[in-house]
Amino acid sequence: MNAIPEDANAKVSVTGNTNLQVGVNEIQISVTAPDAKTVKKYVIEVTKTENPDLANANLENLAIENVTLEPEFSPDILSYTAIINSQVETIHILAIPQIEGATVQVTGADNIQFR
């Protein structure tokens, strides 16, 4: 695996990209800036499987009742913003997996931010 830093003087280290096991494998990429103090870490989750069709963890649809997602839903986009009124206490989320039999779990209600 090659990871190329934006700054040619930065140092890159990659771990977890060898001896991949069946299931989810975490690959970590650390980039240390030329100041040798600033570090950014990137994580890639790689699923190794004998049947790629069964490893499909994409959503077919994602929506919140009466709320617009930004950006518009796409199976390739994993992060969204939704603006709700401060008086709203409950939201209804529709999350449909692409593959029948997949499990969808919604978490994170404790991370709601008010602006």
N, C-alpha and C. Protein backbone atom coordinates (compact mmCIF):
# COMPACT_ATOMS: atom_id res chain seq x y z
N MET A 1 0.84 -1.16 0.00
CA MET A 1 0.00 0.00 0.00
C MET A 1 0.89 1.23 0.00
N ASN A 2 0.55 2.17 -0.85
CA ASN A 2 1.28 3.44 -0.90
C ASN A 2 0.39 4.55 -0.39
N ALA A 3 0.90 5.34 0.52
CA ALA A 3 0.21 6.54 1.01
C ALA A 3 1.15 7.70 0.76
N ILE A 4 0.71 8.67 0.00
CA ILE A 4 1.56 9.78 -0.39
C ILE A 4 1.09 11.04 0.33
N PRO A 5 1.97 11.64 1.15
CA PRO A 5 1.57 12.85 1.87
C PRO A 5 1.51 14.07 0.95
N GLU A 6 0.72 15.05 1.35
CA GLU A 6 0.63 16.29 0.58
C GLU A 6 1.97 17.01 0.58
N ASP A 7 2.64 17.00 1.74
CA ASP A 7 3.96 17.63 1.87
C ASP A 7 5.03 16.54 1.72
N ALA A 8 5.90 16.70 0.77
CA ALA A 8 6.93 15.69 0.50
C ALA A 8 7.85 15.46 1.69
N ASN A 9 7.92 16.41 2.63
CA ASN A 9 8.78 16.28 3.80
C ASN A 9 8.08 15.61 4.99
N ALA A 10 6.82 15.30 4.85
CA ALA A 10 6.09 14.60 5.92
C ALA A 10 6.46 13.12 5.89
N LYS A 11 6.30 12.46 7.03
CA LYS A 11 6.59 11.03 7.13
C LYS A 11 5.27 10.26 7.24
N VAL A 12 5.20 9.13 6.56
CA VAL A 12 4.00 8.31 6.54
C VAL A 12 4.32 6.92 7.07
N SER A 13 3.45 6.41 7.95
CA SER A 13 3.60 5.00 8.36
C SER A 13 2.24 4.33 8.22
N VAL A 14 2.26 3.09 7.75
CA VAL A 14 1.05 2.32 7.53
C VAL A 14 1.15 1.04 8.35
N THR A 15 0.08 0.74 9.12
CA THR A 15 0.04 -0.51 9.89
C THR A 15 -1.27 -1.23 9.63
N GLY A 16 -1.25 -2.53 9.78
CA GLY A 16 -2.46 -3.33 9.64
C GLY A 16 -2.76 -3.79 8.24
N ASN A 17 -1.86 -3.54 7.30
CA ASN A 17 -2.14 -3.89 5.90
C ASN A 17 -1.52 -5.21 5.47
N THR A 18 -1.05 -6.00 6.42
CA THR A 18 -0.51 -7.33 6.09
C THR A 18 -1.24 -8.37 6.92
N ASN A 19 -1.17 -9.61 6.48
CA ASN A 19 -1.82 -10.73 7.17
C ASN A 19 -3.29 -10.47 7.46
N LEU A 20 -4.01 -9.97 6.45
CA LEU A 20 -5.43 -9.67 6.61
C LEU A 20 -6.21 -10.95 6.91
N GLN A 21 -7.12 -10.84 7.87
CA GLN A 21 -7.95 -11.97 8.28
C GLN A 21 -9.34 -11.83 7.67
N VAL A 22 -10.09 -12.93 7.57
CA VAL A 22 -11.48 -12.87 7.12
C VAL A 22 -12.26 -12.05 8.14
N GLY A 23 -13.02 -11.08 7.66
CA GLY A 23 -13.76 -10.17 8.52
C GLY A 23 -13.24 -8.76 8.32
N VAL A 24 -13.50 -7.89 9.30
CA VAL A 24 -13.09 -6.49 9.20
C VAL A 24 -11.66 -6.34 9.71
N ASN A 25 -10.83 -5.70 8.91
CA ASN A 25 -9.45 -5.40 9.26
C ASN A 25 -9.27 -3.89 9.26
N GLU A 26 -8.59 -3.37 10.27
CA GLU A 26 -8.38 -1.93 10.37
C GLU A 26 -6.96 -1.60 9.94
N ILE A 27 -6.85 -0.74 8.93
CA ILE A 27 -5.56 -0.27 8.46
C ILE A 27 -5.41 1.18 8.93
N GLN A 28 -4.29 1.48 9.57
CA GLN A 28 -4.05 2.82 10.08
C GLN A 28 -2.91 3.47 9.32
N ILE A 29 -3.14 4.73 8.92
CA ILE A 29 -2.13 5.51 8.23
C ILE A 29 -1.86 6.73 9.10
N SER A 30 -0.63 6.90 9.52
CA SER A 30 -0.23 8.07 10.32
C SER A 30 0.67 8.94 9.48
N VAL A 31 0.35 10.23 9.44
CA VAL A 31 1.16 11.19 8.72
C VAL A 31 1.71 12.19 9.73
N THR A 32 3.02 12.26 9.82
CA THR A 32 3.69 13.20 10.73
C THR A 32 4.24 14.35 9.90
N ALA A 33 3.81 15.57 10.27
CA ALA A 33 4.23 16.77 9.55
C ALA A 33 5.73 17.01 9.75
N PRO A 34 6.32 17.84 8.90
CA PRO A 34 7.75 18.13 9.03
C PRO A 34 8.14 18.71 10.39
N ASP A 35 7.20 19.30 11.14
CA ASP A 35 7.53 19.82 12.48
C ASP A 35 7.72 18.70 13.49
N ALA A 36 7.46 17.46 13.09
CA ALA A 36 7.61 16.24 13.92
C ALA A 36 6.67 16.23 15.12
N LYS A 37 5.72 17.16 15.19
CA LYS A 37 4.78 17.21 16.31
C LYS A 37 3.35 16.98 15.86
N THR A 38 3.00 17.50 14.71
CA THR A 38 1.63 17.39 14.21
C THR A 38 1.46 16.05 13.51
N VAL A 39 0.44 15.28 13.97
CA VAL A 39 0.17 13.96 13.41
C VAL A 39 -1.31 13.86 13.06
N LYS A 40 -1.60 13.37 11.87
CA LYS A 40 -2.98 13.05 11.48
C LYS A 40 -3.03 11.55 11.26
N LYS A 41 -4.14 10.95 11.76
CA LYS A 41 -4.32 9.51 11.59
C LYS A 41 -5.55 9.25 10.74
N TYR A 42 -5.39 8.37 9.78
CA TYR A 42 -6.48 7.96 8.91
C TYR A 42 -6.71 6.48 9.16
N VAL A 43 -7.98 6.06 9.07
CA VAL A 43 -8.32 4.65 9.29
C VAL A 43 -9.12 4.16 8.09
N ILE A 44 -8.75 3.00 7.59
CA ILE A 44 -9.49 2.34 6.52
C ILE A 44 -9.93 0.98 7.05
N GLU A 45 -11.24 0.72 6.98
CA GLU A 45 -11.74 -0.60 7.36
C GLU A 45 -11.88 -1.44 6.09
N VAL A 46 -11.16 -2.53 6.04
CA VAL A 46 -11.17 -3.43 4.90
C VAL A 46 -11.84 -4.73 5.32
N THR A 47 -12.86 -5.14 4.57
CA THR A 47 -13.54 -6.39 4.87
C THR A 47 -13.03 -7.45 3.92
N LYS A 48 -12.46 -8.50 4.49
CA LYS A 48 -11.98 -9.63 3.69
C LYS A 48 -13.04 -10.72 3.78
N THR A 49 -13.47 -11.19 2.63
CA THR A 49 -14.53 -12.19 2.60
C THR A 49 -14.36 -13.11 1.41
N GLU A 50 -14.91 -14.29 1.54
CA GLU A 50 -14.91 -15.23 0.43
C GLU A 50 -16.12 -14.98 -0.48
N ASN A 51 -17.11 -14.21 0.01
CA ASN A 51 -18.30 -13.91 -0.77
C ASN A 51 -18.59 -12.41 -0.71
N PRO A 52 -18.05 -11.63 -1.67
CA PRO A 52 -18.22 -10.17 -1.63
C PRO A 52 -19.68 -9.71 -1.60
N ASP A 53 -20.59 -10.46 -2.20
CA ASP A 53 -22.00 -10.06 -2.18
C ASP A 53 -22.54 -10.01 -0.76
N LEU A 54 -22.10 -10.93 0.10
CA LEU A 54 -22.58 -10.95 1.48
C LEU A 54 -21.91 -9.88 2.34
N ALA A 55 -20.85 -9.26 1.84
CA ALA A 55 -20.14 -8.23 2.61
C ALA A 55 -20.65 -6.83 2.28
N ASN A 56 -21.72 -6.73 1.52
CA ASN A 56 -22.28 -5.43 1.16
C ASN A 56 -22.91 -4.79 2.39
N ALA A 57 -22.30 -3.71 2.88
CA ALA A 57 -22.81 -2.99 4.04
C ALA A 57 -23.34 -1.61 3.65
N ASN A 58 -23.73 -1.45 2.39
CA ASN A 58 -24.24 -0.17 1.91
C ASN A 58 -25.73 -0.02 2.21
N LEU A 59 -26.14 1.22 2.33
CA LEU A 59 -27.57 1.51 2.46
C LEU A 59 -28.16 1.74 1.08
N GLU A 60 -29.39 1.30 0.91
CA GLU A 60 -30.16 1.57 -0.30
C GLU A 60 -30.82 2.95 -0.18
N ASN A 61 -31.24 3.27 1.04
CA ASN A 61 -31.90 4.54 1.29
C ASN A 61 -31.64 4.98 2.72
N LEU A 62 -31.54 6.29 2.92
CA LEU A 62 -31.38 6.89 4.25
C LEU A 62 -32.16 8.19 4.25
N ALA A 63 -33.07 8.34 5.23
CA ALA A 63 -33.87 9.55 5.31
C ALA A 63 -34.30 9.78 6.76
N ILE A 64 -34.58 11.04 7.05
CA ILE A 64 -35.16 11.41 8.34
C ILE A 64 -36.50 12.07 8.02
N GLU A 65 -37.55 11.61 8.67
CA GLU A 65 -38.89 12.13 8.41
C GLU A 65 -38.93 13.65 8.59
N ASN A 66 -39.42 14.35 7.55
CA ASN A 66 -39.60 15.80 7.53
C ASN A 66 -38.29 16.59 7.71
N VAL A 67 -37.16 16.00 7.37
CA VAL A 67 -35.86 16.66 7.49
C VAL A 67 -35.08 16.42 6.20
N THR A 68 -34.36 17.43 5.74
CA THR A 68 -33.52 17.30 4.55
C THR A 68 -32.10 16.96 4.97
N LEU A 69 -31.55 15.91 4.38
CA LEU A 69 -30.15 15.55 4.62
C LEU A 69 -29.26 16.35 3.69
N GLU A 70 -28.11 16.78 4.20
CA GLU A 70 -27.11 17.45 3.39
C GLU A 70 -25.81 16.69 3.51
N PRO A 71 -25.18 16.25 2.46
CA PRO A 71 -25.67 16.30 1.09
C PRO A 71 -26.82 15.31 0.89
N GLU A 72 -27.37 15.30 -0.30
CA GLU A 72 -28.43 14.34 -0.63
C GLU A 72 -27.87 12.92 -0.51
N PHE A 73 -28.71 11.97 -0.10
CA PHE A 73 -28.24 10.60 0.14
C PHE A 73 -27.62 9.97 -1.10
N SER A 74 -26.51 9.30 -0.86
CA SER A 74 -25.83 8.46 -1.85
C SER A 74 -25.17 7.33 -1.08
N PRO A 75 -25.24 6.09 -1.56
CA PRO A 75 -24.61 4.98 -0.84
C PRO A 75 -23.11 5.16 -0.61
N ASP A 76 -22.47 6.02 -1.40
CA ASP A 76 -21.03 6.24 -1.26
C ASP A 76 -20.67 7.32 -0.24
N ILE A 77 -21.66 8.08 0.23
CA ILE A 77 -21.41 9.14 1.20
C ILE A 77 -21.75 8.62 2.59
N LEU A 78 -20.82 8.75 3.55
CA LEU A 78 -21.00 8.17 4.87
C LEU A 78 -21.25 9.20 5.97
N SER A 79 -21.26 10.48 5.64
CA SER A 79 -21.45 11.51 6.66
C SER A 79 -22.44 12.56 6.16
N TYR A 80 -23.43 12.88 6.99
CA TYR A 80 -24.49 13.81 6.61
C TYR A 80 -24.75 14.82 7.72
N THR A 81 -25.39 15.93 7.36
CA THR A 81 -25.83 16.94 8.30
C THR A 81 -27.35 17.07 8.16
N ALA A 82 -28.03 17.19 9.29
CA ALA A 82 -29.47 17.42 9.29
C ALA A 82 -29.77 18.50 10.32
N ILE A 83 -30.57 19.48 9.94
CA ILE A 83 -30.92 20.56 10.85
C ILE A 83 -32.35 20.35 11.32
N ILE A 84 -32.53 20.31 12.67
CA ILE A 84 -33.85 20.14 13.27
C ILE A 84 -34.10 21.27 14.25
N ASN A 85 -35.35 21.53 14.52
CA ASN A 85 -35.76 22.55 15.48
C ASN A 85 -35.33 22.13 16.87
N SER A 86 -34.96 23.09 17.71
CA SER A 86 -34.49 22.77 19.07
C SER A 86 -35.58 22.14 19.94
N GLN A 87 -36.83 22.25 19.53
CA GLN A 87 -37.93 21.68 20.30
C GLN A 87 -38.16 20.19 19.98
N VAL A 88 -37.54 19.69 18.92
CA VAL A 88 -37.73 18.30 18.51
C VAL A 88 -37.01 17.38 19.49
N GLU A 89 -37.73 16.38 20.00
CA GLU A 89 -37.14 15.43 20.94
C GLU A 89 -36.92 14.06 20.32
N THR A 90 -37.64 13.75 19.24
CA THR A 90 -37.55 12.45 18.61
C THR A 90 -37.53 12.62 17.09
N ILE A 91 -36.67 11.88 16.43
CA ILE A 91 -36.67 11.88 14.97
C ILE A 91 -36.90 10.45 14.50
N HIS A 92 -37.51 10.33 13.34
CA HIS A 92 -37.78 9.02 12.75
C HIS A 92 -36.85 8.81 11.57
N ILE A 93 -35.97 7.84 11.69
CA ILE A 93 -34.95 7.58 10.67
C ILE A 93 -35.32 6.34 9.87
N LEU A 94 -35.24 6.46 8.56
CA LEU A 94 -35.43 5.34 7.65
C LEU A 94 -34.06 4.97 7.11
N ALA A 95 -33.59 3.76 7.39
CA ALA A 95 -32.30 3.29 6.90
C ALA A 95 -32.49 1.88 6.36
N ILE A 96 -32.45 1.75 5.04
CA ILE A 96 -32.71 0.47 4.38
C ILE A 96 -31.42 -0.05 3.76
N PRO A 97 -30.98 -1.25 4.15
CA PRO A 97 -29.74 -1.81 3.56
C PRO A 97 -29.95 -2.26 2.12
N GLN A 98 -28.88 -2.26 1.33
CA GLN A 98 -28.96 -2.72 -0.06
C GLN A 98 -29.21 -4.21 -0.15
N ILE A 99 -28.70 -4.97 0.80
CA ILE A 99 -28.81 -6.42 0.73
C ILE A 99 -29.81 -6.91 1.78
N GLU A 100 -30.73 -7.72 1.34
CA GLU A 100 -31.74 -8.28 2.25
C GLU A 100 -31.06 -9.15 3.31
N GLY A 101 -31.46 -8.99 4.54
CA GLY A 101 -30.88 -9.77 5.62
C GLY A 101 -29.79 -9.03 6.38
N ALA A 102 -29.34 -7.89 5.86
CA ALA A 102 -28.35 -7.09 6.56
C ALA A 102 -29.01 -6.42 7.77
N THR A 103 -28.22 -6.11 8.78
CA THR A 103 -28.72 -5.46 9.99
C THR A 103 -28.30 -4.00 9.98
N VAL A 104 -29.24 -3.13 10.33
CA VAL A 104 -28.96 -1.70 10.44
C VAL A 104 -29.10 -1.30 11.91
N GLN A 105 -28.12 -0.60 12.44
CA GLN A 105 -28.16 -0.14 13.82
C GLN A 105 -27.96 1.37 13.82
N VAL A 106 -28.87 2.09 14.48
CA VAL A 106 -28.78 3.54 14.58
C VAL A 106 -28.35 3.90 15.99
N THR A 107 -27.26 4.64 16.12
CA THR A 107 -26.74 5.07 17.42
C THR A 107 -26.36 6.53 17.35
N GLY A 108 -26.05 7.13 18.47
CA GLY A 108 -25.48 8.46 18.46
C GLY A 108 -26.42 9.58 18.87
N ALA A 109 -27.58 9.28 19.42
CA ALA A 109 -28.51 10.34 19.83
C ALA A 109 -27.87 11.24 20.89
N ASP A 110 -26.89 10.72 21.62
CA ASP A 110 -26.24 11.53 22.65
C ASP A 110 -25.26 12.54 22.06
N ASN A 111 -25.07 12.50 20.73
CA ASN A 111 -24.14 13.42 20.09
C ASN A 111 -24.84 14.57 19.36
N ILE A 112 -26.13 14.78 19.63
CA ILE A 112 -26.85 15.86 18.96
C ILE A 112 -26.27 17.19 19.42
N GLN A 113 -25.95 18.06 18.44
CA GLN A 113 -25.37 19.36 18.74
C GLN A 113 -26.37 20.45 18.45
N PHE A 114 -26.47 21.43 19.35
CA PHE A 114 -27.35 22.57 19.16
C PHE A 114 -26.52 23.78 18.76
N ARG A 115 -27.01 24.51 17.74
CA ARG A 115 -26.28 25.70 17.26
C ARG A 115 -27.18 26.89 17.29
